[in-house]
Amino acid sequence: MPGKPADSDKPGWANGLKQLYNSVVDEPLPESFKDLIERLDDAD
């Protein structure tokens, strides 16, 4: 439908889920994960 916002066909919870996902993605990587990745890289 012309002039219809793109988000209007999504369920109401979709925006909340997207915001939650984005907040998790924006969190810094824990130091323990960085150490683990470094050890795995060194093992190669």
N, C-alpha and C. Protein backbone atom coordinates (compact mmCIF):
# COMPACT_ATOMS: atom_id res chain seq x y z
N MET A 1 0.84 -1.18 0.00
CA MET A 1 0.00 0.00 0.00
C MET A 1 0.89 1.24 0.00
N PRO A 2 0.73 2.16 -0.93
CA PRO A 2 1.55 3.37 -0.99
C PRO A 2 1.38 4.22 0.26
N GLY A 3 2.49 4.79 0.72
CA GLY A 3 2.46 5.64 1.89
C GLY A 3 2.39 4.90 3.20
N LYS A 4 2.36 3.59 3.15
CA LYS A 4 2.29 2.77 4.36
C LYS A 4 3.71 2.59 4.92
N PRO A 5 3.93 2.88 6.20
CA PRO A 5 5.26 2.69 6.78
C PRO A 5 5.69 1.23 6.69
N ALA A 6 6.98 1.00 6.46
CA ALA A 6 7.50 -0.36 6.29
C ALA A 6 7.30 -1.20 7.54
N ASP A 7 7.36 -0.59 8.72
CA ASP A 7 7.25 -1.34 9.97
C ASP A 7 5.81 -1.71 10.32
N SER A 8 4.84 -1.17 9.61
CA SER A 8 3.44 -1.40 9.99
C SER A 8 2.98 -2.83 9.75
N ASP A 9 3.70 -3.58 8.92
CA ASP A 9 3.30 -4.97 8.67
C ASP A 9 3.97 -5.94 9.63
N LYS A 10 4.82 -5.44 10.53
CA LYS A 10 5.50 -6.29 11.51
C LYS A 10 4.65 -6.38 12.77
N PRO A 11 4.77 -7.50 13.50
CA PRO A 11 4.04 -7.59 14.77
C PRO A 11 4.59 -6.57 15.76
N GLY A 12 3.79 -6.22 16.74
CA GLY A 12 4.16 -5.19 17.70
C GLY A 12 5.43 -5.48 18.48
N TRP A 13 5.74 -6.74 18.72
CA TRP A 13 6.91 -7.09 19.51
C TRP A 13 8.21 -7.01 18.70
N ALA A 14 8.12 -6.87 17.39
CA ALA A 14 9.32 -6.90 16.54
C ALA A 14 10.27 -5.74 16.85
N ASN A 15 9.74 -4.55 17.08
CA ASN A 15 10.61 -3.42 17.38
C ASN A 15 11.33 -3.61 18.71
N GLY A 16 10.63 -4.12 19.70
CA GLY A 16 11.26 -4.38 20.99
C GLY A 16 12.36 -5.42 20.88
N LEU A 17 12.11 -6.45 20.10
CA LEU A 17 13.12 -7.49 19.90
C LEU A 17 14.34 -6.93 19.18
N LYS A 18 14.11 -6.08 18.19
CA LYS A 18 15.21 -5.46 17.46
C LYS A 18 16.04 -4.57 18.39
N GLN A 19 15.38 -3.81 19.26
CA GLN A 19 16.09 -2.95 20.20
C GLN A 19 16.92 -3.78 21.18
N LEU A 20 16.35 -4.88 21.66
CA LEU A 20 17.08 -5.76 22.57
C LEU A 20 18.30 -6.35 21.88
N TYR A 21 18.13 -6.84 20.66
CA TYR A 21 19.24 -7.41 19.89
C TYR A 21 20.34 -6.37 19.71
N ASN A 22 19.96 -5.16 19.31
CA ASN A 22 20.96 -4.11 19.07
C ASN A 22 21.70 -3.75 20.35
N SER A 23 21.02 -3.76 21.49
CA SER A 23 21.69 -3.44 22.75
C SER A 23 22.71 -4.51 23.12
N VAL A 24 22.41 -5.77 22.82
CA VAL A 24 23.35 -6.86 23.10
C VAL A 24 24.54 -6.77 22.15
N VAL A 25 24.29 -6.49 20.89
CA VAL A 25 25.36 -6.38 19.90
C VAL A 25 26.31 -5.24 20.26
N ASP A 26 25.79 -4.17 20.83
CA ASP A 26 26.60 -3.00 21.17
C ASP A 26 27.41 -3.18 22.45
N GLU A 27 27.14 -4.23 23.21
CA GLU A 27 27.89 -4.46 24.45
C GLU A 27 29.33 -4.85 24.11
N PRO A 28 30.28 -4.39 24.93
CA PRO A 28 31.67 -4.77 24.68
C PRO A 28 31.88 -6.26 24.95
N LEU A 29 32.86 -6.83 24.28
CA LEU A 29 33.20 -8.23 24.46
C LEU A 29 33.87 -8.41 25.83
N PRO A 30 33.40 -9.36 26.64
CA PRO A 30 34.03 -9.56 27.95
C PRO A 30 35.51 -9.91 27.81
N GLU A 31 36.30 -9.48 28.77
CA GLU A 31 37.75 -9.71 28.74
C GLU A 31 38.07 -11.21 28.65
N SER A 32 37.27 -12.05 29.33
CA SER A 32 37.53 -13.49 29.29
C SER A 32 37.34 -14.05 27.88
N PHE A 33 36.40 -13.51 27.12
CA PHE A 33 36.22 -13.94 25.73
C PHE A 33 37.39 -13.50 24.87
N LYS A 34 37.87 -12.28 25.12
CA LYS A 34 39.03 -11.78 24.36
C LYS A 34 40.23 -12.68 24.61
N ASP A 35 40.44 -13.06 25.88
CA ASP A 35 41.56 -13.94 26.22
C ASP A 35 41.40 -15.30 25.55
N LEU A 36 40.20 -15.85 25.56
CA LEU A 36 39.95 -17.14 24.93
C LEU A 36 40.22 -17.08 23.43
N ILE A 37 39.75 -16.05 22.77
CA ILE A 37 39.97 -15.90 21.33
C ILE A 37 41.46 -15.78 21.03
N GLU A 38 42.18 -15.03 21.86
CA GLU A 38 43.62 -14.88 21.67
C GLU A 38 44.33 -16.22 21.83
N ARG A 39 43.94 -17.01 22.84
CA ARG A 39 44.56 -18.32 23.04
C ARG A 39 44.25 -19.25 21.87
N LEU A 40 43.04 -19.21 21.37
CA LEU A 40 42.68 -20.06 20.23
C LEU A 40 43.44 -19.64 18.97
N ASP A 41 43.61 -18.35 18.78
CA ASP A 41 44.39 -17.87 17.63
C ASP A 41 45.84 -18.30 17.73
N ASP A 42 46.39 -18.26 18.94
CA ASP A 42 47.79 -18.65 19.15
C ASP A 42 47.98 -20.15 18.94
N ALA A 43 46.94 -20.95 19.14
CA ALA A 43 47.04 -22.40 18.99
C ALA A 43 47.17 -22.81 17.53
N ASP A 44 46.78 -21.93 16.62
CA ASP A 44 46.86 -22.26 15.18
C ASP A 44 48.25 -22.26 14.70
